[in-house]
Amino acid sequence: MDLALVGTDPGISPNEDGLPGLPVIRSIVGALLTWGLVACVAGLVISVIVWALAHQQGNYQYAQGGKSGVVVSAGGALLIGAANAIVGFFAGLGAGV
């Protein structure tokens, strides 16, 4: 086996014209991002309501569940909002290897 071929770059890179339908897929993924953010907002609102009502009534188990829902919804929104940057960062890291 030729050792010179093991570490060489094959010369393949992402392109815009490789497959048909790329604009449609981008549109679908953008819509999924929007739906995900809407779901995070709904989850945050519901969790805050549960947290407040449960705390007011002294039900600390449900209050803790509401707190967890707030953190999960906020974290989900953070990850969805940063999805392009996260993928771009790791794609750049992978291209530099």
PDB file of N, CA and C in Angstrom:
ATOM      1  N   MET A   1       0.847  -1.171   0.000  1.00  0.00           N
ATOM      2  CA  MET A   1       0.000   0.000   0.000  1.00  0.00           C
ATOM      3  C   MET A   1       0.892   1.233   0.000  1.00  0.00           C
ATOM      4  N   ASP A   2       0.539   2.180  -0.844  1.00  0.00           N
ATOM      5  CA  ASP A   2       1.320   3.407  -0.975  1.00  0.00           C
ATOM      6  C   ASP A   2       0.980   4.356   0.169  1.00  0.00           C
ATOM      7  N   LEU A   3       1.946   4.685   1.015  1.00  0.00           N
ATOM      8  CA  LEU A   3       1.721   5.544   2.171  1.00  0.00           C
ATOM      9  C   LEU A   3       1.492   6.991   1.775  1.00  0.00           C
ATOM     10  N   ALA A   4       1.843   7.384   0.579  1.00  0.00           N
ATOM     11  CA  ALA A   4       1.641   8.767   0.143  1.00  0.00           C
ATOM     12  C   ALA A   4       0.158   9.077  -0.049  1.00  0.00           C
ATOM     13  N   LEU A   5      -0.649   8.083  -0.297  1.00  0.00           N
ATOM     14  CA  LEU A   5      -2.077   8.302  -0.532  1.00  0.00           C
ATOM     15  C   LEU A   5      -2.897   8.364   0.747  1.00  0.00           C
ATOM     16  N   VAL A   6      -2.367   7.920   1.858  1.00  0.00           N
ATOM     17  CA  VAL A   6      -3.123   7.840   3.101  1.00  0.00           C
ATOM     18  C   VAL A   6      -3.532   9.216   3.604  1.00  0.00           C
ATOM     19  N   GLY A   7      -2.661  10.191   3.598  1.00  0.00           N
ATOM     20  CA  GLY A   7      -2.960  11.491   4.180  1.00  0.00           C
ATOM     21  C   GLY A   7      -3.290  12.568   3.170  1.00  0.00           C
ATOM     22  N   THR A   8      -3.562  12.228   1.929  1.00  0.00           N
ATOM     23  CA  THR A   8      -3.810  13.250   0.917  1.00  0.00           C
ATOM     24  C   THR A   8      -5.272  13.675   0.909  1.00  0.00           C
ATOM     25  N   ASP A   9      -5.489  14.903   0.488  1.00  0.00           N
ATOM     26  CA  ASP A   9      -6.834  15.462   0.366  1.00  0.00           C
ATOM     27  C   ASP A   9      -7.477  14.936  -0.915  1.00  0.00           C
ATOM     28  N   PRO A  10      -8.676  14.357  -0.837  1.00  0.00           N
ATOM     29  CA  PRO A  10      -9.309  13.825  -2.053  1.00  0.00           C
ATOM     30  C   PRO A  10      -9.850  14.915  -2.974  1.00  0.00           C
ATOM     31  N   GLY A  11      -9.905  16.161  -2.519  1.00  0.00           N
ATOM     32  CA  GLY A  11     -10.350  17.260  -3.373  1.00  0.00           C
ATOM     33  C   GLY A  11     -11.856  17.402  -3.454  1.00  0.00           C
ATOM     34  N   ILE A  12     -12.573  16.837  -2.509  1.00  0.00           N
ATOM     35  CA  ILE A  12     -14.038  16.933  -2.508  1.00  0.00           C
ATOM     36  C   ILE A  12     -14.450  18.021  -1.528  1.00  0.00           C
ATOM     37  N   SER A  13     -15.358  18.888  -1.966  1.00  0.00           N
ATOM     38  CA  SER A  13     -15.854  19.946  -1.085  1.00  0.00           C
ATOM     39  C   SER A  13     -17.349  20.145  -1.325  1.00  0.00           C
ATOM     40  N   PRO A  14     -18.058  20.706  -0.356  1.00  0.00           N
ATOM     41  CA  PRO A  14     -19.493  20.943  -0.546  1.00  0.00           C
ATOM     42  C   PRO A  14     -19.739  21.892  -1.719  1.00  0.00           C
ATOM     43  N   ASN A  15     -20.813  21.628  -2.455  1.00  0.00           N
ATOM     44  CA  ASN A  15     -21.176  22.529  -3.545  1.00  0.00           C
ATOM     45  C   ASN A  15     -22.674  22.760  -3.560  1.00  0.00           C
ATOM     46  N   GLU A  16     -23.088  23.798  -4.223  1.00  0.00           N
ATOM     47  CA  GLU A  16     -24.503  24.182  -4.289  1.00  0.00           C
ATOM     48  C   GLU A  16     -25.270  23.439  -5.379  1.00  0.00           C
ATOM     49  N   ASP A  17     -24.570  22.867  -6.338  1.00  0.00           N
ATOM     50  CA  ASP A  17     -25.221  22.278  -7.513  1.00  0.00           C
ATOM     51  C   ASP A  17     -25.211  20.755  -7.520  1.00  0.00           C
ATOM     52  N   GLY A  18     -24.830  20.128  -6.416  1.00  0.00           N
ATOM     53  CA  GLY A  18     -24.677  18.674  -6.393  1.00  0.00           C
ATOM     54  C   GLY A  18     -25.981  17.913  -6.560  1.00  0.00           C
ATOM     55  N   LEU A  19     -27.030  18.360  -5.895  1.00  0.00           N
ATOM     56  CA  LEU A  19     -28.317  17.678  -5.971  1.00  0.00           C
ATOM     57  C   LEU A  19     -29.425  18.704  -6.238  1.00  0.00           C
ATOM     58  N   PRO A  20     -30.457  18.304  -6.953  1.00  0.00           N
ATOM     59  CA  PRO A  20     -31.576  19.221  -7.153  1.00  0.00           C
ATOM     60  C   PRO A  20     -32.415  19.343  -5.874  1.00  0.00           C
ATOM     61  N   GLY A  21     -33.087  20.464  -5.728  1.00  0.00           N
ATOM     62  CA  GLY A  21     -33.998  20.623  -4.604  1.00  0.00           C
ATOM     63  C   GLY A  21     -33.384  21.227  -3.366  1.00  0.00           C
ATOM     64  N   LEU A  22     -32.145  21.705  -3.446  1.00  0.00           N
ATOM     65  CA  LEU A  22     -31.503  22.286  -2.275  1.00  0.00           C
ATOM     66  C   LEU A  22     -32.266  23.495  -1.731  1.00  0.00           C
ATOM     67  N   PRO A  23     -32.793  24.395  -2.571  1.00  0.00           N
ATOM     68  CA  PRO A  23     -33.575  25.517  -2.023  1.00  0.00           C
ATOM     69  C   PRO A  23     -34.821  25.057  -1.269  1.00  0.00           C
ATOM     70  N   VAL A  24     -35.448  23.984  -1.715  1.00  0.00           N
ATOM     71  CA  VAL A  24     -36.630  23.458  -1.039  1.00  0.00           C
ATOM     72  C   VAL A  24     -36.249  22.890   0.325  1.00  0.00           C
ATOM     73  N   ILE A  25     -35.151  22.173   0.383  1.00  0.00           N
ATOM     74  CA  ILE A  25     -34.696  21.605   1.654  1.00  0.00           C
ATOM     75  C   ILE A  25     -34.331  22.720   2.624  1.00  0.00           C
ATOM     76  N   ARG A  26     -33.665  23.769   2.143  1.00  0.00           N
ATOM     77  CA  ARG A  26     -33.340  24.908   3.010  1.00  0.00           C
ATOM     78  C   ARG A  26     -34.605  25.562   3.543  1.00  0.00           C
ATOM     79  N   SER A  27     -35.613  25.676   2.698  1.00  0.00           N
ATOM     80  CA  SER A  27     -36.885  26.263   3.123  1.00  0.00           C
ATOM     81  C   SER A  27     -37.552  25.398   4.193  1.00  0.00           C
ATOM     82  N   ILE A  28     -37.514  24.092   4.019  1.00  0.00           N
ATOM     83  CA  ILE A  28     -38.113  23.176   4.996  1.00  0.00           C
ATOM     84  C   ILE A  28     -37.371  23.251   6.324  1.00  0.00           C
ATOM     85  N   VAL A  29     -36.056  23.265   6.285  1.00  0.00           N
ATOM     86  CA  VAL A  29     -35.270  23.342   7.519  1.00  0.00           C
ATOM     87  C   VAL A  29     -35.507  24.685   8.212  1.00  0.00           C
ATOM     88  N   GLY A  30     -35.605  25.762   7.441  1.00  0.00           N
ATOM     89  CA  GLY A  30     -35.922  27.065   8.029  1.00  0.00           C
ATOM     90  C   GLY A  30     -37.280  27.061   8.711  1.00  0.00           C
ATOM     91  N   ALA A  31     -38.250  26.394   8.097  1.00  0.00           N
ATOM     92  CA  ALA A  31     -39.571  26.284   8.716  1.00  0.00           C
ATOM     93  C   ALA A  31     -39.502  25.455   9.993  1.00  0.00           C
ATOM     94  N   LEU A  32     -38.689  24.413  10.007  1.00  0.00           N
ATOM     95  CA  LEU A  32     -38.520  23.610  11.218  1.00  0.00           C
ATOM     96  C   LEU A  32     -37.886  24.429  12.342  1.00  0.00           C
ATOM     97  N   LEU A  33     -36.929  25.289  11.986  1.00  0.00           N
ATOM     98  CA  LEU A  33     -36.345  26.182  12.987  1.00  0.00           C
ATOM     99  C   LEU A  33     -37.419  27.094  13.585  1.00  0.00           C
ATOM    100  N   THR A  34     -38.279  27.622  12.741  1.00  0.00           N
ATOM    101  CA  THR A  34     -39.351  28.495  13.215  1.00  0.00           C
ATOM    102  C   THR A  34     -40.305  27.738  14.128  1.00  0.00           C
ATOM    103  N   TRP A  35     -40.714  26.545  13.703  1.00  0.00           N
ATOM    104  CA  TRP A  35     -41.614  25.741  14.537  1.00  0.00           C
ATOM    105  C   TRP A  35     -40.958  25.391  15.868  1.00  0.00           C
ATOM    106  N   GLY A  36     -39.677  25.093  15.838  1.00  0.00           N
ATOM    107  CA  GLY A  36     -38.967  24.779  17.072  1.00  0.00           C
ATOM    108  C   GLY A  36     -38.931  25.957  18.027  1.00  0.00           C
ATOM    109  N   LEU A  37     -38.697  27.148  17.500  1.00  0.00           N
ATOM    110  CA  LEU A  37     -38.694  28.336  18.352  1.00  0.00           C
ATOM    111  C   LEU A  37     -40.077  28.634  18.912  1.00  0.00           C
ATOM    112  N   VAL A  38     -41.104  28.451  18.100  1.00  0.00           N
ATOM    113  CA  VAL A  38     -42.476  28.648  18.586  1.00  0.00           C
ATOM    114  C   VAL A  38     -42.787  27.647  19.700  1.00  0.00           C
ATOM    115  N   ALA A  39     -42.356  26.402  19.536  1.00  0.00           N
ATOM    116  CA  ALA A  39     -42.567  25.384  20.577  1.00  0.00           C
ATOM    117  C   ALA A  39     -41.821  25.752  21.855  1.00  0.00           C
ATOM    118  N   CYS A  40     -40.622  26.307  21.720  1.00  0.00           N
ATOM    119  CA  CYS A  40     -39.860  26.728  22.903  1.00  0.00           C
ATOM    120  C   CYS A  40     -40.558  27.868  23.631  1.00  0.00           C
ATOM    121  N   VAL A  41     -41.114  28.807  22.895  1.00  0.00           N
ATOM    122  CA  VAL A  41     -41.848  29.908  23.522  1.00  0.00           C
ATOM    123  C   VAL A  41     -43.075  29.374  24.251  1.00  0.00           C
ATOM    124  N   ALA A  42     -43.814  28.474  23.610  1.00  0.00           N
ATOM    125  CA  ALA A  42     -44.996  27.888  24.250  1.00  0.00           C
ATOM    126  C   ALA A  42     -44.594  27.103  25.501  1.00  0.00           C
ATOM    127  N   GLY A  43     -43.541  26.327  25.412  1.00  0.00           N
ATOM    128  CA  GLY A  43     -43.063  25.571  26.568  1.00  0.00           C
ATOM    129  C   GLY A  43     -42.617  26.475  27.698  1.00  0.00           C
ATOM    130  N   LEU A  44     -41.971  27.575  27.345  1.00  0.00           N
ATOM    131  CA  LEU A  44     -41.530  28.525  28.366  1.00  0.00           C
ATOM    132  C   LEU A  44     -42.716  29.168  29.071  1.00  0.00           C
ATOM    133  N   VAL A  45     -43.713  29.591  28.313  1.00  0.00           N
ATOM    134  CA  VAL A  45     -44.895  30.225  28.903  1.00  0.00           C
ATOM    135  C   VAL A  45     -45.635  29.241  29.812  1.00  0.00           C
ATOM    136  N   ILE A  46     -45.843  28.030  29.333  1.00  0.00           N
ATOM    137  CA  ILE A  46     -46.545  27.025  30.136  1.00  0.00           C
ATOM    138  C   ILE A  46     -45.758  26.698  31.397  1.00  0.00           C
ATOM    139  N   SER A  47     -44.444  26.562  31.261  1.00  0.00           N
ATOM    140  CA  SER A  47     -43.607  26.231  32.421  1.00  0.00           C
ATOM    141  C   SER A  47     -43.609  27.338  33.463  1.00  0.00           C
ATOM    142  N   VAL A  48     -43.586  28.590  33.015  1.00  0.00           N
ATOM    143  CA  VAL A  48     -43.623  29.707  33.961  1.00  0.00           C
ATOM    144  C   VAL A  48     -44.962  29.747  34.690  1.00  0.00           C
ATOM    145  N   ILE A  49     -46.042  29.482  33.966  1.00  0.00           N
ATOM    146  CA  ILE A  49     -47.369  29.462  34.604  1.00  0.00           C
ATOM    147  C   ILE A  49     -47.436  28.339  35.639  1.00  0.00           C
ATOM    148  N   VAL A  50     -46.977  27.149  35.281  1.00  0.00           N
ATOM    149  CA  VAL A  50     -46.984  26.015  36.219  1.00  0.00           C
ATOM    150  C   VAL A  50     -46.127  26.333  37.429  1.00  0.00           C
ATOM    151  N   TRP A  51     -44.964  26.895  37.195  1.00  0.00           N
ATOM    152  CA  TRP A  51     -44.044  27.243  38.277  1.00  0.00           C
ATOM    153  C   TRP A  51     -44.687  28.233  39.242  1.00  0.00           C
ATOM    154  N   ALA A  52     -45.293  29.284  38.689  1.00  0.00           N
ATOM    155  CA  ALA A  52     -45.897  30.318  39.535  1.00  0.00           C
ATOM    156  C   ALA A  52     -47.095  29.787  40.318  1.00  0.00           C
ATOM    157  N   LEU A  53     -47.988  29.069  39.645  1.00  0.00           N
ATOM    158  CA  LEU A  53     -49.181  28.551  40.326  1.00  0.00           C
ATOM    159  C   LEU A  53     -48.813  27.509  41.380  1.00  0.00           C
ATOM    160  N   ALA A  54     -47.894  26.630  41.036  1.00  0.00           N
ATOM    161  CA  ALA A  54     -47.502  25.585  41.982  1.00  0.00           C
ATOM    162  C   ALA A  54     -46.801  26.191  43.195  1.00  0.00           C
ATOM    163  N   HIS A  55     -45.969  27.179  42.971  1.00  0.00           N
ATOM    164  CA  HIS A  55     -45.298  27.831  44.095  1.00  0.00           C
ATOM    165  C   HIS A  55     -46.305  28.561  44.984  1.00  0.00           C
ATOM    166  N   GLN A  56     -47.260  29.203  44.362  1.00  0.00           N
ATOM    167  CA  GLN A  56     -48.292  29.929  45.110  1.00  0.00           C
ATOM    168  C   GLN A  56     -49.123  28.982  45.978  1.00  0.00           C
ATOM    169  N   GLN A  57     -49.380  27.776  45.476  1.00  0.00           N
ATOM    170  CA  GLN A  57     -50.205  26.817  46.198  1.00  0.00           C
ATOM    171  C   GLN A  57     -49.386  25.914  47.123  1.00  0.00           C
ATOM    172  N   GLY A  58     -48.070  26.088  47.121  1.00  0.00           N
ATOM    173  CA  GLY A  58     -47.226  25.293  48.005  1.00  0.00           C
ATOM    174  C   GLY A  58     -46.918  23.904  47.483  1.00  0.00           C
ATOM    175  N   ASN A  59     -47.163  23.666  46.223  1.00  0.00           N
ATOM    176  CA  ASN A  59     -46.870  22.364  45.619  1.00  0.00           C
ATOM    177  C   ASN A  59     -45.473  22.439  45.004  1.00  0.00           C
ATOM    178  N   TYR A  60     -44.472  22.129  45.810  1.00  0.00           N
ATOM    179  CA  TYR A  60     -43.098  22.351  45.385  1.00  0.00           C
ATOM    180  C   TYR A  60     -42.600  21.318  44.382  1.00  0.00           C
ATOM    181  N   GLN A  61     -43.259  20.183  44.304  1.00  0.00           N
ATOM    182  CA  GLN A  61     -42.866  19.193  43.296  1.00  0.00           C
ATOM    183  C   GLN A  61     -43.206  19.715  41.896  1.00  0.00           C
ATOM    184  N   TYR A  62     -44.412  20.252  41.726  1.00  0.00           N
ATOM    185  CA  TYR A  62     -44.785  20.827  40.435  1.00  0.00           C
ATOM    186  C   TYR A  62     -44.004  22.108  40.161  1.00  0.00           C
ATOM    187  N   ALA A  63     -43.700  22.866  41.215  1.00  0.00           N
ATOM    188  CA  ALA A  63     -42.894  24.073  41.031  1.00  0.00           C
ATOM    189  C   ALA A  63     -41.515  23.707  40.482  1.00  0.00           C
ATOM    190  N   GLN A  64     -40.935  22.644  40.992  1.00  0.00           N
ATOM    191  CA  GLN A  64     -39.638  22.192  40.484  1.00  0.00           C
ATOM    192  C   GLN A  64     -39.753  21.746  39.033  1.00  0.00           C
ATOM    193  N   GLY A  65     -40.856  21.088  38.691  1.00  0.00           N
ATOM    194  CA  GLY A  65     -41.080  20.709  37.295  1.00  0.00           C
ATOM    195  C   GLY A  65     -41.205  21.920  36.390  1.00  0.00           C
ATOM    196  N   GLY A  66     -41.859  22.970  36.878  1.00  0.00           N
ATOM    197  CA  GLY A  66     -41.961  24.210  36.118  1.00  0.00           C
ATOM    198  C   GLY A  66     -40.600  24.851  35.904  1.00  0.00           C
ATOM    199  N   LYS A  67     -39.771  24.837  36.939  1.00  0.00           N
ATOM    200  CA  LYS A  67     -38.411  25.379  36.807  1.00  0.00           C
ATOM    201  C   LYS A  67     -37.625  24.600  35.757  1.00  0.00           C
ATOM    202  N   SER A  68     -37.740  23.293  35.806  1.00  0.00           N
ATOM    203  CA  SER A  68     -37.041  22.454  34.825  1.00  0.00           C
ATOM    204  C   SER A  68     -37.530  22.760  33.414  1.00  0.00           C
ATOM    205  N   GLY A  69     -38.832  22.961  33.273  1.00  0.00           N
ATOM    206  CA  GLY A  69     -39.392  23.302  31.963  1.00  0.00           C
ATOM    207  C   GLY A  69     -38.861  24.620  31.440  1.00  0.00           C
ATOM    208  N   VAL A  70     -38.679  25.595  32.327  1.00  0.00           N
ATOM    209  CA  VAL A  70     -38.122  26.886  31.929  1.00  0.00           C
ATOM    210  C   VAL A  70     -36.699  26.704  31.408  1.00  0.00           C
ATOM    211  N   VAL A  71     -35.893  25.939  32.130  1.00  0.00           N
ATOM    212  CA  VAL A  71     -34.505  25.731  31.727  1.00  0.00           C
ATOM    213  C   VAL A  71     -34.432  24.968  30.406  1.00  0.00           C
ATOM    214  N   VAL A  72     -35.251  23.939  30.257  1.00  0.00           N
ATOM    215  CA  VAL A  72     -35.242  23.143  29.025  1.00  0.00           C
ATOM    216  C   VAL A  72     -35.707  23.983  27.842  1.00  0.00           C
ATOM    217  N   SER A  73     -36.756  24.771  28.012  1.00  0.00           N
ATOM    218  CA  SER A  73     -37.247  25.617  26.924  1.00  0.00           C
ATOM    219  C   SER A  73     -36.224  26.671  26.529  1.00  0.00           C
ATOM    220  N   ALA A  74     -35.607  27.299  27.524  1.00  0.00           N
ATOM    221  CA  ALA A  74     -34.591  28.306  27.219  1.00  0.00           C
ATOM    222  C   ALA A  74     -33.378  27.674  26.540  1.00  0.00           C
ATOM    223  N   GLY A  75     -32.964  26.513  27.015  1.00  0.00           N
ATOM    224  CA  GLY A  75     -31.841  25.817  26.387  1.00  0.00           C
ATOM    225  C   GLY A  75     -32.153  25.388  24.966  1.00  0.00           C
ATOM    226  N   GLY A  76     -33.376  24.925  24.746  1.00  0.00           N
ATOM    227  CA  GLY A  76     -33.789  24.553  23.392  1.00  0.00           C
ATOM    228  C   GLY A  76     -33.761  25.742  22.452  1.00  0.00           C
ATOM    229  N   ALA A  77     -34.270  26.887  22.923  1.00  0.00           N
ATOM    230  CA  ALA A  77     -34.259  28.096  22.100  1.00  0.00           C
ATOM    231  C   ALA A  77     -32.824  28.534  21.801  1.00  0.00           C
ATOM    232  N   LEU A  78     -31.951  28.407  22.801  1.00  0.00           N
ATOM    233  CA  LEU A  78     -30.548  28.762  22.601  1.00  0.00           C
ATOM    234  C   LEU A  78     -29.913  27.886  21.521  1.00  0.00           C
ATOM    235  N   LEU A  79     -30.139  26.581  21.599  1.00  0.00           N
ATOM    236  CA  LEU A  79     -29.545  25.666  20.626  1.00  0.00           C
ATOM    237  C   LEU A  79     -30.144  25.837  19.234  1.00  0.00           C
ATOM    238  N   ILE A  80     -31.456  26.063  19.155  1.00  0.00           N
ATOM    239  CA  ILE A  80     -32.081  26.269  17.846  1.00  0.00           C
ATOM    240  C   ILE A  80     -31.574  27.560  17.222  1.00  0.00           C
ATOM    241  N   GLY A  81     -31.501  28.614  18.029  1.00  0.00           N
ATOM    242  CA  GLY A  81     -31.017  29.887  17.511  1.00  0.00           C
ATOM    243  C   GLY A  81     -29.563  29.830  17.077  1.00  0.00           C
ATOM    244  N   ALA A  82     -28.786  29.002  17.727  1.00  0.00           N
ATOM    245  CA  ALA A  82     -27.358  28.905  17.422  1.00  0.00           C
ATOM    246  C   ALA A  82     -27.040  27.750  16.472  1.00  0.00           C
ATOM    247  N   ALA A  83     -28.046  27.091  15.929  1.00  0.00           N
ATOM    248  CA  ALA A  83     -27.813  25.891  15.114  1.00  0.00           C
ATOM    249  C   ALA A  83     -26.883  26.169  13.933  1.00  0.00           C
ATOM    250  N   ASN A  84     -27.123  27.256  13.195  1.00  0.00           N
ATOM    251  CA  ASN A  84     -26.272  27.562  12.048  1.00  0.00           C
ATOM    252  C   ASN A  84     -24.833  27.811  12.479  1.00  0.00           C
ATOM    253  N   ALA A  85     -24.661  28.565  13.566  1.00  0.00           N
ATOM    254  CA  ALA A  85     -23.309  28.869  14.034  1.00  0.00           C
ATOM    255  C   ALA A  85     -22.604  27.613  14.547  1.00  0.00           C
ATOM    256  N   ILE A  86     -23.334  26.750  15.244  1.00  0.00           N
ATOM    257  CA  ILE A  86     -22.733  25.523  15.775  1.00  0.00           C
ATOM    258  C   ILE A  86     -22.284  24.609  14.636  1.00  0.00           C
ATOM    259  N   VAL A  87     -23.155  24.414  13.656  1.00  0.00           N
ATOM    260  CA  VAL A  87     -22.807  23.548  12.524  1.00  0.00           C
ATOM    261  C   VAL A  87     -21.665  24.165  11.724  1.00  0.00           C
ATOM    262  N   GLY A  88     -21.724  25.478  11.516  1.00  0.00           N
ATOM    263  CA  GLY A  88     -20.645  26.149  10.789  1.00  0.00           C
ATOM    264  C   GLY A  88     -19.312  26.045  11.508  1.00  0.00           C
ATOM    265  N   PHE A  89     -19.340  26.180  12.837  1.00  0.00           N
ATOM    266  CA  PHE A  89     -18.114  26.071  13.632  1.00  0.00           C
ATOM    267  C   PHE A  89     -17.483  24.701  13.485  1.00  0.00           C
ATOM    268  N   PHE A  90     -18.308  23.651  13.665  1.00  0.00           N
ATOM    269  CA  PHE A  90     -17.754  22.305  13.591  1.00  0.00           C
ATOM    270  C   PHE A  90     -17.400  21.902  12.160  1.00  0.00           C
ATOM    271  N   ALA A  91     -18.124  22.436  11.173  1.00  0.00           N
ATOM    272  CA  ALA A  91     -17.736  22.164   9.779  1.00  0.00           C
ATOM    273  C   ALA A  91     -16.387  22.804   9.478  1.00  0.00           C
ATOM    274  N   GLY A  92     -16.169  24.014  10.000  1.00  0.00           N
ATOM    275  CA  GLY A  92     -14.872  24.660   9.828  1.00  0.00           C
ATOM    276  C   GLY A  92     -13.762  23.909  10.538  1.00  0.00           C
ATOM    277  N   LEU A  93     -14.073  23.399  11.731  1.00  0.00           N
ATOM    278  CA  LEU A  93     -13.085  22.606  12.456  1.00  0.00           C
ATOM    279  C   LEU A  93     -12.748  21.329  11.684  1.00  0.00           C
ATOM    280  N   GLY A  94     -13.786  20.706  11.145  1.00  0.00           N
ATOM    281  CA  GLY A  94     -13.567  19.473  10.383  1.00  0.00           C
ATOM    282  C   GLY A  94     -12.792  19.729   9.108  1.00  0.00           C
ATOM    283  N   ALA A  95     -13.023  20.878   8.474  1.00  0.00           N
ATOM    284  CA  ALA A  95     -12.288  21.190   7.242  1.00  0.00           C
ATOM    285  C   ALA A  95     -10.828  21.479   7.525  1.00  0.00           C
ATOM    286  N   GLY A  96     -10.528  21.912   8.750  1.00  0.00           N
ATOM    287  CA  GLY A  96      -9.154  22.224   9.110  1.00  0.00           C
ATOM    288  C   GLY A  96      -8.346  21.031   9.569  1.00  0.00           C
ATOM    289  N   VAL A  97      -8.980  19.890   9.696  1.00  0.00           N
ATOM    290  CA  VAL A  97      -8.266  18.694  10.187  1.00  0.00           C
ATOM    291  C   VAL A  97      -7.394  18.117   9.110  1.00  0.00           C
TER     292      VAL A  97
END
